[in-house]
């Protein structure tokens, strides 16, 4: 399998990150050939507090469920062969080539 240069890996990762950000993800950190993105929306805790107070505490169960499942971090990595790995799993069998 052909090796790709670090610059090519950075270019491929930049394309992947740009695509995910256009779909609503937020970039948390990025290194040479790896990036961590946050997917999902943060919980509006002020709104949930007000609803919980208004419903005499019944809404707290919904709030807890939403607070624990709204955002998650996803790791994207480009290996030395130019293949994409998402959260440690191979996501693209064929190497991704940088855009010309």
N, C-alpha and C. Protein backbone atom coordinates (compact mmCIF):
# COMPACT_ATOMS: atom_id res chain seq x y z
N UNK A 1 0.85 -1.17 0.00
CA UNK A 1 0.00 0.00 0.00
C UNK A 1 0.89 1.24 0.00
N UNK A 2 0.56 2.21 -0.82
CA UNK A 2 1.36 3.43 -0.95
C UNK A 2 1.24 4.30 0.30
N UNK A 3 2.34 4.90 0.66
CA UNK A 3 2.36 5.85 1.76
C UNK A 3 2.05 7.24 1.21
N UNK A 4 1.37 8.04 2.00
CA UNK A 4 1.13 9.42 1.60
C UNK A 4 1.90 10.32 2.56
N UNK A 5 2.32 11.46 2.07
CA UNK A 5 3.11 12.37 2.90
C UNK A 5 2.25 12.99 3.99
N UNK A 6 2.91 13.53 5.00
CA UNK A 6 2.20 14.18 6.09
C UNK A 6 1.40 15.37 5.57
N UNK A 7 1.95 16.11 4.61
CA UNK A 7 1.22 17.24 4.04
C UNK A 7 -0.05 16.78 3.33
N UNK A 8 0.02 15.65 2.63
CA UNK A 8 -1.17 15.10 1.96
C UNK A 8 -2.19 14.64 3.00
N UNK A 9 -1.71 14.03 4.07
CA UNK A 9 -2.62 13.60 5.14
C UNK A 9 -3.32 14.80 5.78
N UNK A 10 -2.58 15.88 5.98
CA UNK A 10 -3.19 17.10 6.53
C UNK A 10 -4.25 17.66 5.59
N UNK A 11 -3.97 17.65 4.30
CA UNK A 11 -4.92 18.14 3.29
C UNK A 11 -6.20 17.29 3.28
N UNK A 12 -6.03 15.97 3.34
CA UNK A 12 -7.19 15.07 3.38
C UNK A 12 -8.01 15.34 4.63
N UNK A 13 -7.34 15.45 5.78
CA UNK A 13 -8.04 15.71 7.03
C UNK A 13 -8.77 17.05 6.97
N UNK A 14 -8.15 18.05 6.38
CA UNK A 14 -8.78 19.35 6.26
C UNK A 14 -10.09 19.26 5.46
N UNK A 15 -10.09 18.44 4.40
CA UNK A 15 -11.31 18.23 3.60
C UNK A 15 -12.40 17.54 4.42
N UNK A 16 -12.01 16.51 5.17
CA UNK A 16 -12.97 15.76 6.00
C UNK A 16 -13.55 16.68 7.07
N UNK A 17 -12.70 17.46 7.74
CA UNK A 17 -13.16 18.37 8.79
C UNK A 17 -14.10 19.43 8.20
N UNK A 18 -13.74 19.98 7.06
CA UNK A 18 -14.59 20.99 6.42
C UNK A 18 -15.97 20.42 6.10
N UNK A 19 -16.00 19.17 5.63
CA UNK A 19 -17.28 18.53 5.32
C UNK A 19 -18.12 18.35 6.59
N UNK A 20 -17.50 17.87 7.66
CA UNK A 20 -18.23 17.64 8.91
C UNK A 20 -18.70 18.95 9.54
N UNK A 21 -17.88 19.99 9.46
CA UNK A 21 -18.27 21.29 10.00
C UNK A 21 -19.44 21.85 9.20
N UNK A 22 -19.46 21.63 7.90
CA UNK A 22 -20.59 22.10 7.09
C UNK A 22 -21.88 21.38 7.45
N UNK A 23 -21.76 20.20 8.07
CA UNK A 23 -22.93 19.44 8.52
C UNK A 23 -23.31 19.75 9.96
N UNK A 24 -22.59 20.69 10.61
CA UNK A 24 -22.97 21.13 11.94
C UNK A 24 -22.03 20.75 13.06
N UNK A 25 -20.97 20.02 12.78
CA UNK A 25 -20.01 19.64 13.83
C UNK A 25 -19.14 20.85 14.18
N UNK A 26 -18.52 20.80 15.36
CA UNK A 26 -17.60 21.85 15.78
C UNK A 26 -16.23 21.24 16.02
N UNK A 27 -15.20 21.91 15.54
CA UNK A 27 -13.83 21.43 15.72
C UNK A 27 -13.37 21.75 17.13
N UNK A 28 -12.97 20.71 17.88
CA UNK A 28 -12.48 20.91 19.24
C UNK A 28 -10.96 20.99 19.27
N UNK A 29 -10.29 20.09 18.55
CA UNK A 29 -8.84 20.12 18.48
C UNK A 29 -8.38 19.42 17.20
N UNK A 30 -7.20 19.82 16.76
CA UNK A 30 -6.64 19.22 15.54
C UNK A 30 -5.14 19.16 15.66
N UNK A 31 -4.59 17.99 15.29
CA UNK A 31 -3.15 17.81 15.24
C UNK A 31 -2.79 17.45 13.80
N UNK A 32 -1.62 16.93 13.57
CA UNK A 32 -1.16 16.67 12.21
C UNK A 32 -2.16 15.91 11.36
N UNK A 33 -2.50 14.71 11.73
CA UNK A 33 -3.40 13.90 10.90
C UNK A 33 -4.58 13.39 11.71
N UNK A 34 -4.94 14.12 12.78
CA UNK A 34 -6.04 13.71 13.63
C UNK A 34 -6.82 14.94 14.09
N UNK A 35 -8.14 14.81 14.17
CA UNK A 35 -8.98 15.90 14.65
C UNK A 35 -10.08 15.34 15.53
N UNK A 36 -10.48 16.13 16.52
CA UNK A 36 -11.60 15.77 17.38
C UNK A 36 -12.70 16.80 17.13
N UNK A 37 -13.87 16.30 16.74
CA UNK A 37 -15.01 17.17 16.48
C UNK A 37 -16.12 16.85 17.47
N UNK A 38 -16.91 17.86 17.79
CA UNK A 38 -18.07 17.70 18.67
C UNK A 38 -19.30 17.70 17.78
N UNK A 39 -20.09 16.63 17.91
CA UNK A 39 -21.29 16.46 17.10
C UNK A 39 -22.49 16.58 18.03
N UNK A 40 -23.51 17.29 17.59
CA UNK A 40 -24.71 17.48 18.40
C UNK A 40 -24.77 18.89 18.93
N UNK A 41 -25.85 19.18 19.61
CA UNK A 41 -26.06 20.53 20.14
C UNK A 41 -26.00 20.51 21.67
N UNK A 42 -25.48 21.59 22.25
CA UNK A 42 -25.43 21.65 23.71
C UNK A 42 -26.83 21.81 24.30
N UNK A 43 -26.99 21.37 25.53
CA UNK A 43 -28.26 21.48 26.23
C UNK A 43 -28.43 22.90 26.77
N UNK A 44 -29.62 23.45 26.61
CA UNK A 44 -29.94 24.77 27.16
C UNK A 44 -30.37 24.57 28.62
N UNK A 45 -29.43 24.65 29.54
CA UNK A 45 -29.70 24.34 30.94
C UNK A 45 -30.63 25.36 31.60
N UNK A 46 -30.55 26.62 31.21
CA UNK A 46 -31.43 27.64 31.79
C UNK A 46 -32.89 27.33 31.45
N UNK A 47 -33.15 27.00 30.19
CA UNK A 47 -34.51 26.65 29.78
C UNK A 47 -35.02 25.43 30.54
N UNK A 48 -34.19 24.40 30.65
CA UNK A 48 -34.61 23.19 31.35
C UNK A 48 -34.81 23.44 32.85
N UNK A 49 -34.03 24.32 33.45
CA UNK A 49 -34.23 24.68 34.85
C UNK A 49 -35.59 25.35 35.03
N UNK A 50 -35.91 26.28 34.15
CA UNK A 50 -37.21 26.96 34.24
C UNK A 50 -38.37 25.99 34.06
N UNK A 51 -38.26 25.08 33.10
CA UNK A 51 -39.33 24.10 32.88
C UNK A 51 -39.43 23.17 34.09
N UNK A 52 -38.29 22.78 34.66
CA UNK A 52 -38.30 21.92 35.85
C UNK A 52 -38.99 22.61 37.01
N UNK A 53 -38.70 23.89 37.22
CA UNK A 53 -39.36 24.64 38.29
C UNK A 53 -40.86 24.76 38.03
N UNK A 54 -41.23 25.03 36.79
CA UNK A 54 -42.64 25.20 36.41
C UNK A 54 -43.43 23.90 36.59
N UNK A 55 -42.80 22.75 36.34
CA UNK A 55 -43.49 21.46 36.45
C UNK A 55 -43.25 20.79 37.81
N UNK A 56 -42.80 21.57 38.78
CA UNK A 56 -42.56 21.07 40.15
C UNK A 56 -41.59 19.87 40.16
N UNK A 57 -40.59 19.93 39.33
CA UNK A 57 -39.54 18.92 39.33
C UNK A 57 -39.74 17.74 38.40
N UNK A 58 -40.90 17.62 37.78
CA UNK A 58 -41.15 16.46 36.91
C UNK A 58 -40.26 16.46 35.66
N UNK A 59 -39.89 17.62 35.20
CA UNK A 59 -39.11 17.74 33.96
C UNK A 59 -37.65 17.32 34.17
N UNK A 60 -37.20 17.17 35.41
CA UNK A 60 -35.80 16.87 35.69
C UNK A 60 -35.35 15.58 35.01
N UNK A 61 -36.24 14.60 34.86
CA UNK A 61 -35.87 13.34 34.22
C UNK A 61 -35.60 13.53 32.73
N UNK A 62 -36.41 14.34 32.09
CA UNK A 62 -36.18 14.67 30.68
C UNK A 62 -34.87 15.43 30.54
N UNK A 63 -34.66 16.39 31.42
CA UNK A 63 -33.45 17.20 31.41
C UNK A 63 -32.20 16.33 31.55
N UNK A 64 -32.21 15.41 32.49
CA UNK A 64 -31.06 14.52 32.68
C UNK A 64 -30.80 13.67 31.44
N UNK A 65 -31.86 13.16 30.85
CA UNK A 65 -31.70 12.37 29.62
C UNK A 65 -31.11 13.17 28.49
N UNK A 66 -31.58 14.39 28.33
CA UNK A 66 -31.07 15.24 27.25
C UNK A 66 -29.64 15.71 27.52
N UNK A 67 -29.33 15.98 28.76
CA UNK A 67 -27.99 16.48 29.11
C UNK A 67 -26.91 15.43 28.89
N UNK A 68 -27.27 14.16 29.00
CA UNK A 68 -26.27 13.11 28.86
C UNK A 68 -26.14 12.59 27.44
N UNK A 69 -27.04 12.98 26.53
CA UNK A 69 -27.00 12.39 25.19
C UNK A 69 -26.93 13.40 24.06
N UNK A 70 -26.76 14.66 24.35
CA UNK A 70 -26.82 15.66 23.29
C UNK A 70 -25.54 15.80 22.49
N UNK A 71 -24.41 15.90 23.14
CA UNK A 71 -23.14 16.11 22.45
C UNK A 71 -22.26 14.87 22.58
N UNK A 72 -21.48 14.61 21.53
CA UNK A 72 -20.48 13.54 21.64
C UNK A 72 -19.27 13.95 20.82
N UNK A 73 -18.14 13.43 21.21
CA UNK A 73 -16.88 13.73 20.53
C UNK A 73 -16.53 12.59 19.59
N UNK A 74 -16.11 12.97 18.38
CA UNK A 74 -15.76 12.00 17.35
C UNK A 74 -14.34 12.29 16.90
N UNK A 75 -13.51 11.25 16.85
CA UNK A 75 -12.12 11.40 16.44
C UNK A 75 -11.97 10.95 14.99
N UNK A 76 -11.39 11.81 14.17
CA UNK A 76 -11.09 11.50 12.78
C UNK A 76 -9.58 11.43 12.62
N UNK A 77 -9.09 10.39 11.95
CA UNK A 77 -7.66 10.24 11.75
C UNK A 77 -7.40 9.74 10.32
N UNK A 78 -6.36 10.26 9.70
CA UNK A 78 -5.92 9.78 8.39
C UNK A 78 -4.64 9.00 8.63
N UNK A 79 -4.63 7.71 8.24
CA UNK A 79 -3.44 6.89 8.48
C UNK A 79 -2.39 7.14 7.39
N UNK A 80 -1.26 6.47 7.51
CA UNK A 80 -0.13 6.68 6.59
C UNK A 80 -0.46 6.29 5.15
N UNK A 81 -1.50 5.47 4.97
CA UNK A 81 -1.91 5.07 3.62
C UNK A 81 -2.98 6.00 3.05
N UNK A 82 -3.42 7.00 3.84
CA UNK A 82 -4.43 7.94 3.36
C UNK A 82 -5.86 7.48 3.61
N UNK A 83 -6.04 6.48 4.48
CA UNK A 83 -7.38 5.99 4.78
C UNK A 83 -7.95 6.70 6.00
N UNK A 84 -9.26 6.90 5.99
CA UNK A 84 -9.95 7.59 7.08
C UNK A 84 -10.36 6.61 8.16
N UNK A 85 -10.06 6.97 9.42
CA UNK A 85 -10.50 6.21 10.59
C UNK A 85 -11.40 7.15 11.41
N UNK A 86 -12.56 6.65 11.83
CA UNK A 86 -13.47 7.41 12.68
C UNK A 86 -13.62 6.66 13.99
N UNK A 87 -13.28 7.32 15.08
CA UNK A 87 -13.30 6.71 16.42
C UNK A 87 -12.55 5.39 16.44
N UNK A 88 -11.41 5.34 15.77
CA UNK A 88 -10.55 4.16 15.78
C UNK A 88 -10.93 3.07 14.81
N UNK A 89 -12.05 3.23 14.11
CA UNK A 89 -12.48 2.22 13.15
C UNK A 89 -12.23 2.70 11.74
N UNK A 90 -11.79 1.80 10.90
CA UNK A 90 -11.53 2.12 9.50
C UNK A 90 -12.84 2.47 8.82
N UNK A 91 -12.94 3.70 8.30
CA UNK A 91 -14.18 4.17 7.69
C UNK A 91 -14.11 4.14 6.17
N UNK A 92 -12.92 4.15 5.60
CA UNK A 92 -12.76 4.15 4.15
C UNK A 92 -11.68 3.14 3.79
N UNK A 93 -12.06 2.06 3.13
CA UNK A 93 -11.10 1.02 2.74
C UNK A 93 -10.08 1.57 1.74
N UNK A 94 -10.57 2.36 0.80
CA UNK A 94 -9.70 2.93 -0.22
C UNK A 94 -9.11 4.24 0.30
N UNK A 95 -7.85 4.48 -0.01
CA UNK A 95 -7.25 5.76 0.41
C UNK A 95 -8.00 6.94 -0.18
N UNK A 96 -8.11 8.01 0.59
CA UNK A 96 -8.71 9.24 0.12
C UNK A 96 -7.59 10.09 -0.45
N UNK A 97 -7.81 10.65 -1.59
CA UNK A 97 -6.80 11.49 -2.22
C UNK A 97 -7.16 12.96 -2.03
N UNK A 98 -6.16 13.81 -1.80
CA UNK A 98 -6.45 15.24 -1.65
C UNK A 98 -7.02 15.81 -2.94
N UNK A 99 -7.89 16.81 -2.82
CA UNK A 99 -8.47 17.45 -4.00
C UNK A 99 -7.36 18.15 -4.79
N UNK A 100 -7.52 18.10 -6.09
CA UNK A 100 -6.50 18.70 -6.95
C UNK A 100 -6.63 20.19 -7.01
